[in-house]
């Protein structure tokens, strides 16, 4: 008698446990739950990408500073050397831009879509 009662109780407990596991898994697979999980993953990925971009930017700035220091680019410029240099004369522009050379002119031909038919 006790044996039957034990196995009946063990079977009922296993059934309740399996039912609760299945119901929990079914709730995880509802469209709302899947959408929430996808949104959380997207936010997490966005934060990781932002952190990566910030790390790359910091490393880039640090390396630029190291290179500038090694090449002496951070030293103050000599204003006397810049005074002797001449700047090129600015190009003249028309209202439509610079005048193209003659070999760049396009032929004037009307393109009527209805001529071909």
N, C-alpha and C. Protein backbone atom coordinates (compact mmCIF):
# COMPACT_ATOMS: atom_id res chain seq x y z
N UNK A 1 0.80 -1.18 0.00
CA UNK A 1 0.00 0.00 0.00
C UNK A 1 0.86 1.27 0.00
N UNK A 2 1.89 1.27 0.85
CA UNK A 2 2.77 2.44 0.90
C UNK A 2 3.53 2.61 -0.40
N UNK A 3 3.86 1.49 -1.03
CA UNK A 3 4.58 1.55 -2.29
C UNK A 3 3.73 2.24 -3.35
N UNK A 4 2.48 1.87 -3.44
CA UNK A 4 1.59 2.49 -4.43
C UNK A 4 1.42 3.98 -4.14
N UNK A 5 1.27 4.34 -2.90
CA UNK A 5 1.11 5.74 -2.53
C UNK A 5 2.37 6.54 -2.87
N UNK A 6 3.55 5.96 -2.63
CA UNK A 6 4.80 6.64 -2.95
C UNK A 6 4.89 6.90 -4.45
N UNK A 7 4.65 5.87 -5.26
CA UNK A 7 4.78 6.04 -6.71
C UNK A 7 3.70 6.97 -7.27
N UNK A 8 2.51 6.93 -6.69
CA UNK A 8 1.46 7.85 -7.12
C UNK A 8 1.89 9.30 -6.83
N UNK A 9 2.42 9.54 -5.66
CA UNK A 9 2.86 10.89 -5.28
C UNK A 9 4.04 11.34 -6.14
N UNK A 10 4.98 10.42 -6.39
CA UNK A 10 6.14 10.76 -7.23
C UNK A 10 5.68 11.09 -8.65
N UNK A 11 4.75 10.36 -9.19
CA UNK A 11 4.23 10.61 -10.54
C UNK A 11 3.48 11.93 -10.61
N UNK A 12 2.68 12.23 -9.60
CA UNK A 12 1.94 13.49 -9.57
C UNK A 12 2.92 14.67 -9.48
N UNK A 13 3.95 14.55 -8.64
CA UNK A 13 4.93 15.63 -8.50
C UNK A 13 5.69 15.83 -9.83
N UNK A 14 6.05 14.74 -10.50
CA UNK A 14 6.74 14.85 -11.79
C UNK A 14 5.82 15.50 -12.83
N UNK A 15 4.55 15.17 -12.80
CA UNK A 15 3.60 15.78 -13.73
C UNK A 15 3.45 17.27 -13.50
N UNK A 16 3.36 17.68 -12.24
CA UNK A 16 3.24 19.11 -11.91
C UNK A 16 4.51 19.84 -12.33
N UNK A 17 5.68 19.25 -12.05
CA UNK A 17 6.95 19.86 -12.42
C UNK A 17 7.05 20.02 -13.94
N UNK A 18 6.72 18.98 -14.71
CA UNK A 18 6.80 19.03 -16.17
C UNK A 18 5.81 20.05 -16.73
N UNK A 19 4.62 20.10 -16.18
CA UNK A 19 3.61 21.06 -16.65
C UNK A 19 4.08 22.49 -16.41
N UNK A 20 4.65 22.75 -15.25
CA UNK A 20 5.12 24.11 -14.98
C UNK A 20 6.27 24.49 -15.91
N UNK A 21 7.18 23.53 -16.21
CA UNK A 21 8.28 23.81 -17.13
C UNK A 21 7.77 24.12 -18.53
N UNK A 22 6.80 23.34 -19.00
CA UNK A 22 6.23 23.55 -20.34
C UNK A 22 5.52 24.89 -20.41
N UNK A 23 4.74 25.24 -19.39
CA UNK A 23 4.04 26.53 -19.38
C UNK A 23 5.02 27.70 -19.36
N UNK A 24 6.11 27.57 -18.60
CA UNK A 24 7.11 28.63 -18.56
C UNK A 24 7.76 28.81 -19.93
N UNK A 25 8.08 27.71 -20.60
CA UNK A 25 8.68 27.78 -21.93
C UNK A 25 7.71 28.36 -22.95
N UNK A 26 6.43 28.02 -22.85
CA UNK A 26 5.43 28.57 -23.76
C UNK A 26 5.29 30.09 -23.58
N UNK A 27 5.38 30.56 -22.33
CA UNK A 27 5.31 32.01 -22.09
C UNK A 27 6.51 32.72 -22.69
N UNK A 28 7.68 32.06 -22.69
CA UNK A 28 8.87 32.65 -23.28
C UNK A 28 8.77 32.73 -24.80
N UNK A 29 7.96 31.90 -25.41
CA UNK A 29 7.86 31.85 -26.86
C UNK A 29 6.68 32.64 -27.42
N UNK A 30 6.00 33.41 -26.59
CA UNK A 30 4.91 34.25 -27.11
C UNK A 30 5.52 35.39 -27.92
N UNK A 31 4.79 35.95 -28.88
CA UNK A 31 5.33 37.04 -29.69
C UNK A 31 5.77 38.26 -28.87
N UNK A 32 5.02 38.59 -27.83
CA UNK A 32 5.39 39.74 -27.00
C UNK A 32 6.71 39.49 -26.28
N UNK A 33 6.88 38.28 -25.76
CA UNK A 33 8.11 37.95 -25.06
C UNK A 33 9.30 37.92 -26.01
N UNK A 34 9.09 37.36 -27.20
CA UNK A 34 10.17 37.34 -28.19
C UNK A 34 10.56 38.74 -28.62
N UNK A 35 9.56 39.62 -28.78
CA UNK A 35 9.86 41.01 -29.16
C UNK A 35 10.64 41.71 -28.05
N UNK A 36 10.26 41.48 -26.82
CA UNK A 36 10.97 42.10 -25.69
C UNK A 36 12.41 41.58 -25.61
N UNK A 37 12.59 40.28 -25.84
CA UNK A 37 13.95 39.72 -25.82
C UNK A 37 14.79 40.31 -26.95
N UNK A 38 14.20 40.45 -28.14
CA UNK A 38 14.93 41.02 -29.27
C UNK A 38 15.29 42.48 -28.99
N UNK A 39 14.37 43.23 -28.40
CA UNK A 39 14.65 44.63 -28.08
C UNK A 39 15.78 44.74 -27.06
N UNK A 40 15.76 43.88 -26.06
CA UNK A 40 16.83 43.90 -25.06
C UNK A 40 18.18 43.57 -25.68
N UNK A 41 18.21 42.58 -26.56
CA UNK A 41 19.46 42.21 -27.24
C UNK A 41 19.95 43.35 -28.12
N UNK A 42 19.02 44.04 -28.81
CA UNK A 42 19.42 45.15 -29.67
C UNK A 42 20.00 46.29 -28.84
N UNK A 43 19.38 46.60 -27.71
CA UNK A 43 19.91 47.65 -26.84
C UNK A 43 21.28 47.28 -26.30
N UNK A 44 21.43 46.04 -25.90
CA UNK A 44 22.71 45.57 -25.38
C UNK A 44 23.79 45.67 -26.46
N UNK A 45 23.46 45.26 -27.68
CA UNK A 45 24.41 45.34 -28.78
C UNK A 45 24.76 46.79 -29.09
N UNK A 46 23.78 47.68 -29.06
CA UNK A 46 24.03 49.09 -29.30
C UNK A 46 24.97 49.68 -28.26
N UNK A 47 24.78 49.31 -27.00
CA UNK A 47 25.66 49.81 -25.95
C UNK A 47 27.08 49.28 -26.13
N UNK A 48 27.19 48.02 -26.52
CA UNK A 48 28.53 47.45 -26.75
C UNK A 48 29.22 48.14 -27.92
N UNK A 49 28.47 48.42 -28.99
CA UNK A 49 29.07 49.11 -30.14
C UNK A 49 29.48 50.53 -29.77
N UNK A 50 28.67 51.21 -28.98
CA UNK A 50 29.01 52.56 -28.54
C UNK A 50 30.29 52.54 -27.70
N UNK A 51 30.38 51.59 -26.77
CA UNK A 51 31.58 51.47 -25.95
C UNK A 51 32.81 51.17 -26.81
N UNK A 52 32.65 50.30 -27.80
CA UNK A 52 33.75 49.98 -28.70
C UNK A 52 34.20 51.22 -29.47
N UNK A 53 33.24 51.98 -29.99
CA UNK A 53 33.57 53.19 -30.75
C UNK A 53 34.28 54.21 -29.87
N UNK A 54 33.85 54.35 -28.62
CA UNK A 54 34.51 55.28 -27.70
C UNK A 54 35.93 54.82 -27.38
N UNK A 55 36.13 53.50 -27.23
CA UNK A 55 37.47 52.98 -26.98
C UNK A 55 38.38 53.21 -28.19
N UNK A 56 37.85 53.00 -29.39
CA UNK A 56 38.63 53.23 -30.60
C UNK A 56 38.99 54.70 -30.71
N UNK A 57 38.05 55.58 -30.43
CA UNK A 57 38.30 57.02 -30.51
C UNK A 57 39.37 57.45 -29.51
N UNK A 58 39.28 56.92 -28.29
CA UNK A 58 40.28 57.27 -27.27
C UNK A 58 41.66 56.77 -27.68
N UNK A 59 41.73 55.55 -28.19
CA UNK A 59 43.00 55.01 -28.65
C UNK A 59 43.57 55.81 -29.82
N UNK A 60 42.68 56.23 -30.71
CA UNK A 60 43.12 57.02 -31.86
C UNK A 60 43.69 58.36 -31.41
N UNK A 61 43.02 59.03 -30.49
CA UNK A 61 43.52 60.31 -29.98
C UNK A 61 44.84 60.15 -29.25
N UNK A 62 44.96 59.07 -28.50
CA UNK A 62 46.20 58.82 -27.79
C UNK A 62 47.34 58.57 -28.78
N UNK A 63 47.08 57.78 -29.81
CA UNK A 63 48.12 57.49 -30.80
C UNK A 63 48.49 58.74 -31.60
N UNK A 64 47.51 59.57 -31.93
CA UNK A 64 47.80 60.82 -32.63
C UNK A 64 48.69 61.72 -31.77
N UNK A 65 48.43 61.77 -30.48
CA UNK A 65 49.25 62.58 -29.58
C UNK A 65 50.67 62.03 -29.53
N UNK A 66 50.81 60.70 -29.47
CA UNK A 66 52.14 60.09 -29.45
C UNK A 66 52.90 60.40 -30.73
N UNK A 67 52.23 60.27 -31.87
CA UNK A 67 52.89 60.55 -33.15
C UNK A 67 53.23 62.02 -33.28
N UNK A 68 52.33 62.90 -32.85
CA UNK A 68 52.61 64.33 -32.91
C UNK A 68 53.80 64.70 -32.05
N UNK A 69 53.90 64.06 -30.88
CA UNK A 69 55.03 64.32 -30.00
C UNK A 69 56.32 63.78 -30.61
N UNK A 70 56.25 62.58 -31.19
CA UNK A 70 57.45 61.98 -31.77
C UNK A 70 57.94 62.76 -33.00
N UNK A 71 57.03 63.31 -33.78
CA UNK A 71 57.40 64.05 -34.98
C UNK A 71 57.62 65.53 -34.73
N UNK A 72 57.35 65.99 -33.53
CA UNK A 72 57.54 67.39 -33.20
C UNK A 72 56.47 68.28 -33.78
N UNK A 73 55.29 67.76 -34.02
CA UNK A 73 54.21 68.56 -34.59
C UNK A 73 53.53 69.43 -33.55
N UNK A 74 53.74 69.13 -32.29
CA UNK A 74 53.11 69.91 -31.23
C UNK A 74 53.90 71.17 -30.90
N UNK A 75 55.11 71.31 -31.49
CA UNK A 75 55.93 72.48 -31.20
C UNK A 75 55.28 73.71 -31.81
N UNK A 76 55.45 74.89 -31.19
CA UNK A 76 54.85 76.11 -31.75
C UNK A 76 55.48 76.42 -33.11
N UNK A 77 54.65 76.85 -34.05
CA UNK A 77 55.12 77.17 -35.40
C UNK A 77 55.91 78.46 -35.39
N UNK A 78 56.89 78.55 -36.30
CA UNK A 78 57.72 79.75 -36.41
C UNK A 78 56.98 80.77 -37.28
N UNK A 79 56.50 81.88 -36.74
CA UNK A 79 55.73 82.83 -37.54
C UNK A 79 56.57 83.50 -38.62
N UNK A 80 57.89 83.59 -38.45
CA UNK A 80 58.74 84.24 -39.46
C UNK A 80 58.80 83.40 -40.74
N UNK A 81 58.73 82.08 -40.63
CA UNK A 81 58.79 81.23 -41.81
C UNK A 81 57.51 81.34 -42.62
N UNK A 82 56.40 81.56 -41.97
CA UNK A 82 55.13 81.65 -42.68
C UNK A 82 54.98 82.97 -43.42
N UNK A 83 55.69 84.02 -43.01
CA UNK A 83 55.54 85.33 -43.66
C UNK A 83 56.17 85.36 -45.04
N UNK A 84 57.21 84.60 -45.29
CA UNK A 84 57.89 84.63 -46.58
C UNK A 84 57.18 83.82 -47.66
N UNK A 85 56.18 83.07 -47.29
CA UNK A 85 55.49 82.20 -48.25
C UNK A 85 54.39 82.98 -48.95
N UNK A 86 54.29 82.78 -50.29
CA UNK A 86 53.22 83.43 -51.05
C UNK A 86 52.08 82.46 -51.25
N UNK A 87 50.88 82.97 -51.14
CA UNK A 87 49.69 82.15 -51.37
C UNK A 87 49.31 82.22 -52.84
N UNK A 88 48.79 81.12 -53.41
CA UNK A 88 48.38 81.16 -54.81
C UNK A 88 47.20 82.10 -55.01
N UNK A 89 47.12 82.66 -56.20
CA UNK A 89 46.03 83.57 -56.52
C UNK A 89 44.74 82.78 -56.64
N UNK A 90 43.65 83.25 -56.07
CA UNK A 90 42.39 82.50 -56.14
C UNK A 90 41.87 82.46 -57.57
N UNK A 91 41.21 81.36 -57.90
CA UNK A 91 40.62 81.21 -59.23
C UNK A 91 39.39 82.09 -59.37
N UNK A 92 39.20 82.59 -60.54
CA UNK A 92 38.00 83.39 -60.82
C UNK A 92 36.87 82.43 -61.16
N UNK A 93 35.73 82.72 -60.61
CA UNK A 93 34.56 81.87 -60.86
C UNK A 93 33.44 82.72 -61.42
N UNK A 94 32.72 82.10 -62.34
CA UNK A 94 31.52 82.75 -62.84
C UNK A 94 30.36 82.33 -61.97
N UNK A 95 29.18 82.79 -62.31
CA UNK A 95 28.00 82.43 -61.53
C UNK A 95 27.72 80.94 -61.60
N UNK A 96 28.08 80.29 -62.71
CA UNK A 96 27.83 78.86 -62.87
C UNK A 96 29.07 78.04 -62.55
N UNK A 97 30.08 78.62 -62.03
CA UNK A 97 31.30 77.89 -61.72
C UNK A 97 32.38 78.24 -62.71
N UNK A 98 33.54 77.59 -62.64
CA UNK A 98 34.62 77.91 -63.56
C UNK A 98 34.23 77.52 -64.99
N UNK A 99 34.78 78.25 -65.94
CA UNK A 99 34.48 77.96 -67.34
C UNK A 99 35.23 76.71 -67.77
N UNK A 100 34.53 75.70 -68.29
CA UNK A 100 35.21 74.47 -68.69
C UNK A 100 35.99 74.69 -69.98
N UNK A 101 37.04 73.91 -70.22
CA UNK A 101 37.77 74.00 -71.48
C UNK A 101 36.86 73.64 -72.65
N UNK A 102 37.27 74.04 -73.85
CA UNK A 102 36.42 73.85 -75.02
C UNK A 102 36.20 72.37 -75.35
N UNK A 103 37.13 71.50 -75.04
CA UNK A 103 36.94 70.08 -75.36
C UNK A 103 35.98 69.38 -74.39
N UNK A 104 35.50 70.10 -73.36
CA UNK A 104 34.53 69.53 -72.45
C UNK A 104 33.10 69.94 -72.76
N UNK A 105 32.89 70.72 -73.79
CA UNK A 105 31.53 71.17 -74.08
C UNK A 105 30.73 70.01 -74.65
N UNK A 106 29.49 69.96 -74.30
CA UNK A 106 28.60 68.90 -74.76
C UNK A 106 27.87 69.32 -76.03
N UNK A 107 27.60 68.38 -76.92
CA UNK A 107 26.85 68.74 -78.13
C UNK A 107 25.43 69.14 -77.76
N UNK A 108 24.90 70.08 -78.48
CA UNK A 108 23.53 70.52 -78.22
C UNK A 108 22.61 69.76 -79.15
N UNK A 109 21.95 68.80 -78.63
CA UNK A 109 21.02 67.96 -79.38
C UNK A 109 19.82 67.72 -78.49
N UNK A 110 18.65 67.91 -79.05
CA UNK A 110 17.48 67.68 -78.21
C UNK A 110 17.19 66.20 -78.12
N UNK A 111 16.86 65.78 -76.95
CA UNK A 111 16.53 64.38 -76.73
C UNK A 111 15.04 64.31 -76.40
N UNK A 112 14.26 64.02 -77.40
CA UNK A 112 12.82 63.90 -77.21
C UNK A 112 12.53 62.42 -77.06
N UNK A 113 11.90 62.05 -76.01
CA UNK A 113 11.61 60.63 -75.77
C UNK A 113 10.65 60.08 -76.82
N UNK A 114 9.87 60.93 -77.41
CA UNK A 114 8.85 60.45 -78.35
C UNK A 114 9.40 60.30 -79.77
N UNK A 115 10.62 60.74 -80.06
CA UNK A 115 11.16 60.62 -81.40
C UNK A 115 11.44 59.18 -81.79
N UNK A 116 11.79 58.35 -80.85
CA UNK A 116 12.19 56.99 -81.15
C UNK A 116 11.01 56.09 -81.47
N UNK A 117 9.81 56.50 -81.21
CA UNK A 117 8.65 55.61 -81.37
C UNK A 117 7.86 55.95 -82.57
